[in-house]
Amino acid sequence: MLKNKSYIGISFIILLFGIYAVPKIIDRIENNDVVKGDRLDKVGLTTKNDDKLVKIGPAPKFELINQDNIKITNETYRGKVYVLEFFFTTCPSICPKMNLSMLAIESSFFGNPNFGIVSITIDPAHDTPAILKAHAKLLGVKSSNWNFLTGDKDYIFGIANKGFNLYVGENSKVNGGFEHSGLFALVDKNGTIRCRKDDFGNPILYYDGLDKKGVRDIQQDINILLKD
């Protein structure tokens, strides 16, 4: 007798569920809405790859002369992802390491027309287009989208210090007579400076061109920007 009552109770619950749920299920099928719901909707949301990278702000405008005596501007790189550095050819300290890092980046994206490199000298009195061309040849640069740029010193210092906030300066007490960071700037196709976040969620701003991890990070992030 108790068993029969249990069956009746279960049947009644199933009946109530059917009355409540079946019409809703049919309605969702008819509206092609079967897989939607709060949780599933959240799972289905997608974001662009480049949203993983912080937008720092627009890269400063520049107009300089490259190793082939051709005028190069920031608009030359419109529609391209590019990496930018400040250096000088007679640098006795960090520049050779930066050169090797940039060569590794060039090699990773060689042949991609949507990627480029900008190397701006901070010693334009010495680094003429001819000197820069010889330097590029010595390094073994292959990419036609890698420009070594020179121009007026004050103008270049302004681009570095006020535009990118990447310190450069003259100092007669240091080897080579100039100071600068070993950091690389990453700029997207729209001319915006981009970067990833550190382990604490803070923007790193620029990438360490003297460190293997920094080079690996910027290569990964170039890939992200190239896909979008």
C-alpha atoms as a PDB file:
ATOM      1  CA  MET A   1       0.000   0.000   0.000  1.00  0.00           C
ATOM      2  CA  LEU A   2       2.809   2.429   0.909  1.00  0.00           C
ATOM      3  CA  LYS A   3       4.621   1.470  -2.261  1.00  0.00           C
ATOM      4  CA  ASN A   4       1.568   2.330  -4.357  1.00  0.00           C
ATOM      5  CA  LYS A   5       1.283   5.729  -2.652  1.00  0.00           C
ATOM      6  CA  SER A   6       4.953   6.400  -3.419  1.00  0.00           C
ATOM      7  CA  TYR A   7       4.385   5.619  -7.093  1.00  0.00           C
ATOM      8  CA  ILE A   8       1.357   7.906  -7.121  1.00  0.00           C
ATOM      9  CA  GLY A   9       3.382  10.732  -5.525  1.00  0.00           C
ATOM     10  CA  ILE A  10       6.238  10.360  -8.011  1.00  0.00           C
ATOM     11  CA  SER A  11       3.800  10.266 -10.915  1.00  0.00           C
ATOM     12  CA  PHE A  12       2.132  13.435  -9.665  1.00  0.00           C
ATOM     13  CA  ILE A  13       5.511  15.249  -9.485  1.00  0.00           C
ATOM     14  CA  ILE A  14       6.394  14.123 -13.011  1.00  0.00           C
ATOM     15  CA  LEU A  15       3.003  15.326 -14.229  1.00  0.00           C
ATOM     16  CA  LEU A  16       3.522  18.765 -12.665  1.00  0.00           C
ATOM     17  CA  PHE A  17       7.013  19.014 -14.194  1.00  0.00           C
ATOM     18  CA  GLY A  18       5.587  18.147 -17.584  1.00  0.00           C
ATOM     19  CA  ILE A  19       2.873  20.764 -17.338  1.00  0.00           C
ATOM     20  CA  TYR A  20       5.431  23.439 -16.360  1.00  0.00           C
ATOM     21  CA  ALA A  21       8.509  22.531 -18.397  1.00  0.00           C
ATOM     22  CA  VAL A  22       7.329  20.967 -21.659  1.00  0.00           C
ATOM     23  CA  PRO A  23       5.683  24.129 -23.070  1.00  0.00           C
ATOM     24  CA  LYS A  24       8.863  26.102 -22.311  1.00  0.00           C
ATOM     25  CA  ILE A  25      11.027  23.505 -24.054  1.00  0.00           C
ATOM     26  CA  ILE A  26       8.748  23.503 -27.106  1.00  0.00           C
ATOM     27  CA  ASP A  27       8.817  27.294 -27.191  1.00  0.00           C
ATOM     28  CA  ARG A  28      12.615  27.386 -27.119  1.00  0.00           C
ATOM     29  CA  ILE A  29      12.824  24.775 -29.886  1.00  0.00           C
ATOM     30  CA  GLU A  30      10.444  26.765 -32.063  1.00  0.00           C
ATOM     31  CA  ASN A  31      12.499  29.929 -31.486  1.00  0.00           C
ATOM     32  CA  ASN A  32      15.822  28.167 -32.142  1.00  0.00           C
ATOM     33  CA  ASP A  33      16.798  29.086 -28.599  1.00  0.00           C
ATOM     34  CA  VAL A  34      17.552  25.656 -27.167  1.00  0.00           C
ATOM     35  CA  VAL A  35      21.190  26.218 -26.292  1.00  0.00           C
ATOM     36  CA  LYS A  36      20.729  29.642 -24.760  1.00  0.00           C
ATOM     37  CA  GLY A  37      20.666  30.423 -21.078  1.00  0.00           C
ATOM     38  CA  ASP A  38      22.626  32.527 -18.656  1.00  0.00           C
ATOM     39  CA  ARG A  39      25.525  30.121 -18.262  1.00  0.00           C
ATOM     40  CA  LEU A  40      25.620  28.995 -21.857  1.00  0.00           C
ATOM     41  CA  ASP A  41      25.388  32.572 -23.091  1.00  0.00           C
ATOM     42  CA  LYS A  42      28.461  33.478 -21.041  1.00  0.00           C
ATOM     43  CA  VAL A  43      30.386  30.508 -22.366  1.00  0.00           C
ATOM     44  CA  GLY A  44      29.463  31.468 -25.896  1.00  0.00           C
ATOM     45  CA  LEU A  45      30.679  35.044 -25.612  1.00  0.00           C
ATOM     46  CA  THR A  46      33.843  35.651 -27.618  1.00  0.00           C
ATOM     47  CA  THR A  47      36.342  38.489 -27.483  1.00  0.00           C
ATOM     48  CA  LYS A  48      38.873  39.622 -30.027  1.00  0.00           C
ATOM     49  CA  ASN A  49      42.383  38.334 -29.473  1.00  0.00           C
ATOM     50  CA  ASP A  50      43.811  41.836 -29.275  1.00  0.00           C
ATOM     51  CA  ASP A  51      41.518  42.671 -26.352  1.00  0.00           C
ATOM     52  CA  LYS A  52      43.993  40.731 -24.229  1.00  0.00           C
ATOM     53  CA  LEU A  53      46.477  43.581 -24.739  1.00  0.00           C
ATOM     54  CA  VAL A  54      46.247  46.975 -23.074  1.00  0.00           C
ATOM     55  CA  LYS A  55      45.884  50.108 -25.210  1.00  0.00           C
ATOM     56  CA  ILE A  56      48.363  52.647 -23.879  1.00  0.00           C
ATOM     57  CA  GLY A  57      47.583  55.445 -26.311  1.00  0.00           C
ATOM     58  CA  PRO A  58      48.496  56.673 -29.797  1.00  0.00           C
ATOM     59  CA  ALA A  59      52.130  56.358 -30.839  1.00  0.00           C
ATOM     60  CA  PRO A  60      53.704  59.763 -31.542  1.00  0.00           C
ATOM     61  CA  LYS A  61      53.981  60.973 -35.099  1.00  0.00           C
ATOM     62  CA  PHE A  62      57.428  60.993 -36.666  1.00  0.00           C
ATOM     63  CA  GLU A  63      59.064  61.910 -39.972  1.00  0.00           C
ATOM     64  CA  LEU A  64      62.662  60.822 -40.499  1.00  0.00           C
ATOM     65  CA  ILE A  65      65.066  59.568 -43.189  1.00  0.00           C
ATOM     66  CA  ASN A  66      65.987  55.894 -43.519  1.00  0.00           C
ATOM     67  CA  GLN A  67      69.146  54.091 -44.591  1.00  0.00           C
ATOM     68  CA  ASP A  68      68.200  54.563 -48.251  1.00  0.00           C
ATOM     69  CA  ASN A  69      67.617  58.321 -47.915  1.00  0.00           C
ATOM     70  CA  ILE A  70      63.843  57.774 -48.132  1.00  0.00           C
ATOM     71  CA  LYS A  71      61.436  59.719 -45.924  1.00  0.00           C
ATOM     72  CA  ILE A  72      59.673  57.400 -43.466  1.00  0.00           C
ATOM     73  CA  THR A  73      56.776  58.476 -41.254  1.00  0.00           C
ATOM     74  CA  ASN A  74      54.439  56.809 -38.792  1.00  0.00           C
ATOM     75  CA  GLU A  75      51.948  56.636 -41.673  1.00  0.00           C
ATOM     76  CA  THR A  76      54.393  54.379 -43.525  1.00  0.00           C
ATOM     77  CA  TYR A  77      53.445  51.757 -40.927  1.00  0.00           C
ATOM     78  CA  ARG A  78      49.696  52.369 -40.990  1.00  0.00           C
ATOM     79  CA  GLY A  79      48.022  48.963 -41.280  1.00  0.00           C
ATOM     80  CA  LYS A  80      51.129  47.205 -39.980  1.00  0.00           C
ATOM     81  CA  VAL A  81      52.126  45.936 -36.556  1.00  0.00           C
ATOM     82  CA  TYR A  82      55.590  47.217 -35.713  1.00  0.00           C
ATOM     83  CA  VAL A  83      58.253  47.210 -33.020  1.00  0.00           C
ATOM     84  CA  LEU A  84      60.247  50.378 -32.317  1.00  0.00           C
ATOM     85  CA  GLU A  85      63.557  50.961 -30.551  1.00  0.00           C
ATOM     86  CA  PHE A  86      66.056  53.754 -29.936  1.00  0.00           C
ATOM     87  CA  PHE A  87      69.730  52.868 -30.390  1.00  0.00           C
ATOM     88  CA  PHE A  88      73.000  54.062 -31.959  1.00  0.00           C
ATOM     89  CA  THR A  89      75.482  52.196 -34.106  1.00  0.00           C
ATOM     90  CA  THR A  90      78.585  52.831 -31.968  1.00  0.00           C
ATOM     91  CA  CYS A  91      76.891  51.798 -28.714  1.00  0.00           C
ATOM     92  CA  PRO A  92      79.399  49.723 -26.716  1.00  0.00           C
ATOM     93  CA  SER A  93      76.954  48.330 -24.166  1.00  0.00           C
ATOM     94  CA  ILE A  94      73.351  47.221 -24.640  1.00  0.00           C
ATOM     95  CA  CYS A  95      72.763  47.866 -28.355  1.00  0.00           C
ATOM     96  CA  PRO A  96      74.474  44.695 -29.634  1.00  0.00           C
ATOM     97  CA  LYS A  97      72.136  42.647 -27.419  1.00  0.00           C
ATOM     98  CA  MET A  98      69.153  44.675 -28.630  1.00  0.00           C
ATOM     99  CA  ASN A  99      70.268  44.060 -32.208  1.00  0.00           C
ATOM    100  CA  LEU A 100      70.284  40.302 -31.620  1.00  0.00           C
ATOM    101  CA  SER A 101      66.838  40.435 -30.042  1.00  0.00           C
ATOM    102  CA  MET A 102      65.447  42.453 -32.937  1.00  0.00           C
ATOM    103  CA  LEU A 103      67.016  40.044 -35.436  1.00  0.00           C
ATOM    104  CA  ALA A 104      65.229  37.181 -33.684  1.00  0.00           C
ATOM    105  CA  ILE A 105      61.950  39.100 -33.984  1.00  0.00           C
ATOM    106  CA  GLU A 106      62.630  39.841 -37.658  1.00  0.00           C
ATOM    107  CA  SER A 107      63.317  36.161 -38.314  1.00  0.00           C
ATOM    108  CA  SER A 108      60.038  35.108 -36.664  1.00  0.00           C
ATOM    109  CA  PHE A 109      57.948  37.339 -38.943  1.00  0.00           C
ATOM    110  CA  PHE A 110      60.112  37.555 -42.038  1.00  0.00           C
ATOM    111  CA  GLY A 111      58.042  37.753 -45.205  1.00  0.00           C
ATOM    112  CA  ASN A 112      54.915  39.030 -43.445  1.00  0.00           C
ATOM    113  CA  PRO A 113      53.995  42.307 -45.196  1.00  0.00           C
ATOM    114  CA  ASN A 114      51.922  43.386 -42.197  1.00  0.00           C
ATOM    115  CA  PHE A 115      54.888  43.507 -39.806  1.00  0.00           C
ATOM    116  CA  GLY A 116      57.754  45.959 -39.560  1.00  0.00           C
ATOM    117  CA  ILE A 117      60.567  47.267 -37.362  1.00  0.00           C
ATOM    118  CA  VAL A 118      61.689  50.840 -36.658  1.00  0.00           C
ATOM    119  CA  SER A 119      65.174  51.534 -35.272  1.00  0.00           C
ATOM    120  CA  ILE A 120      65.812  55.229 -34.560  1.00  0.00           C
ATOM    121  CA  THR A 121      69.347  56.404 -33.869  1.00  0.00           C
ATOM    122  CA  ILE A 122      69.974  58.800 -30.985  1.00  0.00           C
ATOM    123  CA  ASP A 123      73.358  59.781 -32.470  1.00  0.00           C
ATOM    124  CA  PRO A 124      72.336  61.261 -35.818  1.00  0.00           C
ATOM    125  CA  ALA A 125      75.530  63.328 -36.125  1.00  0.00           C
ATOM    126  CA  HIS A 126      77.399  60.064 -36.660  1.00  0.00           C
ATOM    127  CA  ASP A 127      74.649  57.777 -37.881  1.00  0.00           C
ATOM    128  CA  THR A 128      74.034  59.090 -41.370  1.00  0.00           C
ATOM    129  CA  PRO A 129      71.932  57.091 -43.850  1.00  0.00           C
ATOM    130  CA  ALA A 130      75.138  55.598 -45.253  1.00  0.00           C
ATOM    131  CA  ILE A 131      76.313  54.516 -41.788  1.00  0.00           C
ATOM    132  CA  LEU A 132      72.896  53.044 -41.011  1.00  0.00           C
ATOM    133  CA  LYS A 133      72.873  51.158 -44.316  1.00  0.00           C
ATOM    134  CA  ALA A 134      76.275  49.657 -43.552  1.00  0.00           C
ATOM    135  CA  HIS A 135      75.086  48.756 -40.051  1.00  0.00           C
ATOM    136  CA  ALA A 136      71.984  46.992 -41.410  1.00  0.00           C
ATOM    137  CA  LYS A 137      74.163  45.048 -43.833  1.00  0.00           C
ATOM    138  CA  LEU A 138      76.565  44.098 -41.035  1.00  0.00           C
ATOM    139  CA  LEU A 139      73.662  42.791 -38.951  1.00  0.00           C
ATOM    140  CA  GLY A 140      72.337  40.774 -41.874  1.00  0.00           C
ATOM    141  CA  VAL A 141      68.959  42.529 -41.989  1.00  0.00           C
ATOM    142  CA  LYS A 142      66.709  41.034 -44.673  1.00  0.00           C
ATOM    143  CA  SER A 143      63.318  42.642 -44.185  1.00  0.00           C
ATOM    144  CA  SER A 144      62.378  45.577 -46.401  1.00  0.00           C
ATOM    145  CA  ASN A 145      60.037  46.676 -43.596  1.00  0.00           C
ATOM    146  CA  TRP A 146      62.909  47.287 -41.168  1.00  0.00           C
ATOM    147  CA  ASN A 147      63.864  50.955 -41.334  1.00  0.00           C
ATOM    148  CA  PHE A 148      66.870  52.512 -39.618  1.00  0.00           C
ATOM    149  CA  LEU A 149      66.035  56.178 -39.146  1.00  0.00           C
ATOM    150  CA  THR A 150      68.016  59.369 -38.596  1.00  0.00           C
ATOM    151  CA  GLY A 151      67.315  63.087 -38.502  1.00  0.00           C
ATOM    152  CA  ASP A 152      67.577  66.085 -36.187  1.00  0.00           C
ATOM    153  CA  LYS A 153      68.827  65.135 -32.717  1.00  0.00           C
ATOM    154  CA  ASP A 154      66.453  67.365 -30.739  1.00  0.00           C
ATOM    155  CA  TYR A 155      63.535  66.118 -32.791  1.00  0.00           C
ATOM    156  CA  ILE A 156      64.489  62.493 -32.142  1.00  0.00           C
ATOM    157  CA  PHE A 157      65.006  63.118 -28.422  1.00  0.00           C
ATOM    158  CA  GLY A 158      61.534  64.642 -28.302  1.00  0.00           C
ATOM    159  CA  ILE A 159      59.977  61.591 -29.955  1.00  0.00           C
ATOM    160  CA  ALA A 160      61.717  59.345 -27.425  1.00  0.00           C
ATOM    161  CA  ASN A 161      61.361  61.299 -24.183  1.00  0.00           C
ATOM    162  CA  LYS A 162      58.058  63.107 -24.691  1.00  0.00           C
ATOM    163  CA  GLY A 163      56.378  60.907 -27.288  1.00  0.00           C
ATOM    164  CA  PHE A 164      57.116  57.340 -26.227  1.00  0.00           C
ATOM    165  CA  ASN A 165      58.389  58.154 -22.719  1.00  0.00           C
ATOM    166  CA  LEU A 166      61.437  56.033 -23.454  1.00  0.00           C
ATOM    167  CA  TYR A 167      64.438  57.788 -21.931  1.00  0.00           C
ATOM    168  CA  VAL A 168      67.359  58.832 -24.124  1.00  0.00           C
ATOM    169  CA  GLY A 169      70.051  61.356 -23.276  1.00  0.00           C
ATOM    170  CA  GLU A 170      73.633  62.461 -23.677  1.00  0.00           C
ATOM    171  CA  ASN A 171      76.170  61.739 -20.956  1.00  0.00           C
ATOM    172  CA  SER A 172      79.864  62.280 -21.532  1.00  0.00           C
ATOM    173  CA  LYS A 173      80.670  60.146 -18.492  1.00  0.00           C
ATOM    174  CA  VAL A 174      79.304  56.906 -19.977  1.00  0.00           C
ATOM    175  CA  ASN A 175      80.813  54.776 -22.715  1.00  0.00           C
ATOM    176  CA  GLY A 176      79.582  55.936 -26.087  1.00  0.00           C
ATOM    177  CA  GLY A 177      78.351  59.270 -24.747  1.00  0.00           C
ATOM    178  CA  PHE A 178      74.647  58.399 -24.845  1.00  0.00           C
ATOM    179  CA  GLU A 179      72.167  56.770 -22.486  1.00  0.00           C
ATOM    180  CA  HIS A 180      68.997  54.914 -23.418  1.00  0.00           C
ATOM    181  CA  SER A 181      66.819  52.026 -22.315  1.00  0.00           C
ATOM    182  CA  GLY A 182      66.797  48.548 -23.779  1.00  0.00           C
ATOM    183  CA  LEU A 183      63.022  48.602 -24.160  1.00  0.00           C
ATOM    184  CA  PHE A 184      60.966  47.911 -27.278  1.00  0.00           C
ATOM    185  CA  ALA A 185      57.624  49.576 -28.038  1.00  0.00           C
ATOM    186  CA  LEU A 186      54.858  47.552 -29.701  1.00  0.00           C
ATOM    187  CA  VAL A 187      52.441  49.423 -31.991  1.00  0.00           C
ATOM    188  CA  ASP A 188      49.314  47.950 -33.567  1.00  0.00           C
ATOM    189  CA  LYS A 189      47.867  48.396 -37.064  1.00  0.00           C
ATOM    190  CA  ASN A 190      45.979  51.517 -35.983  1.00  0.00           C
ATOM    191  CA  GLY A 191      49.049  53.258 -34.581  1.00  0.00           C
ATOM    192  CA  THR A 192      48.246  52.529 -30.927  1.00  0.00           C
ATOM    193  CA  ILE A 193      50.913  51.491 -28.418  1.00  0.00           C
ATOM    194  CA  ARG A 194      49.974  48.118 -26.940  1.00  0.00           C
ATOM    195  CA  CYS A 195      51.288  45.876 -24.186  1.00  0.00           C
ATOM    196  CA  ARG A 196      50.403  42.952 -21.945  1.00  0.00           C
ATOM    197  CA  LYS A 197      49.880  42.998 -18.173  1.00  0.00           C
ATOM    198  CA  ASP A 198      52.296  41.761 -15.541  1.00  0.00           C
ATOM    199  CA  ASP A 199      51.493  39.130 -12.924  1.00  0.00           C
ATOM    200  CA  PHE A 200      49.760  41.777 -10.791  1.00  0.00           C
ATOM    201  CA  GLY A 201      47.511  42.993 -13.595  1.00  0.00           C
ATOM    202  CA  ASN A 202      49.472  46.176 -14.324  1.00  0.00           C
ATOM    203  CA  PRO A 203      50.417  47.187 -17.899  1.00  0.00           C
ATOM    204  CA  ILE A 204      54.110  46.573 -18.553  1.00  0.00           C
ATOM    205  CA  LEU A 205      54.103  49.483 -21.072  1.00  0.00           C
ATOM    206  CA  TYR A 206      57.202  48.280 -22.942  1.00  0.00           C
ATOM    207  CA  TYR A 207      59.063  45.020 -23.550  1.00  0.00           C
ATOM    208  CA  ASP A 208      62.574  44.237 -22.342  1.00  0.00           C
ATOM    209  CA  GLY A 209      64.731  43.832 -25.447  1.00  0.00           C
ATOM    210  CA  LEU A 210      67.634  42.559 -23.358  1.00  0.00           C
ATOM    211  CA  ASP A 211      65.765  39.627 -21.863  1.00  0.00           C
ATOM    212  CA  LYS A 212      64.761  36.347 -23.515  1.00  0.00           C
ATOM    213  CA  LYS A 213      61.377  36.424 -21.793  1.00  0.00           C
ATOM    214  CA  GLY A 214      60.756  39.974 -22.985  1.00  0.00           C
ATOM    215  CA  VAL A 215      61.529  38.967 -26.556  1.00  0.00           C
ATOM    216  CA  ARG A 216      59.349  35.869 -26.299  1.00  0.00           C
ATOM    217  CA  ASP A 217      56.495  37.941 -24.852  1.00  0.00           C
ATOM    218  CA  ILE A 218      56.607  40.526 -27.616  1.00  0.00           C
ATOM    219  CA  GLN A 219      56.713  37.808 -30.282  1.00  0.00           C
ATOM    220  CA  GLN A 220      53.568  36.261 -28.800  1.00  0.00           C
ATOM    221  CA  ASP A 221      51.826  39.621 -28.684  1.00  0.00           C
ATOM    222  CA  ILE A 222      52.842  40.513 -32.253  1.00  0.00           C
ATOM    223  CA  ASN A 223      51.126  37.300 -33.314  1.00  0.00           C
ATOM    224  CA  ILE A 224      47.960  38.349 -31.471  1.00  0.00           C
ATOM    225  CA  LEU A 225      47.898  41.755 -33.161  1.00  0.00           C
ATOM    226  CA  LEU A 226      48.622  40.327 -36.610  1.00  0.00           C
ATOM    227  CA  LYS A 227      45.578  38.049 -36.359  1.00  0.00           C
ATOM    228  CA  ASP A 228      43.173  40.937 -35.716  1.00  0.00           C
END
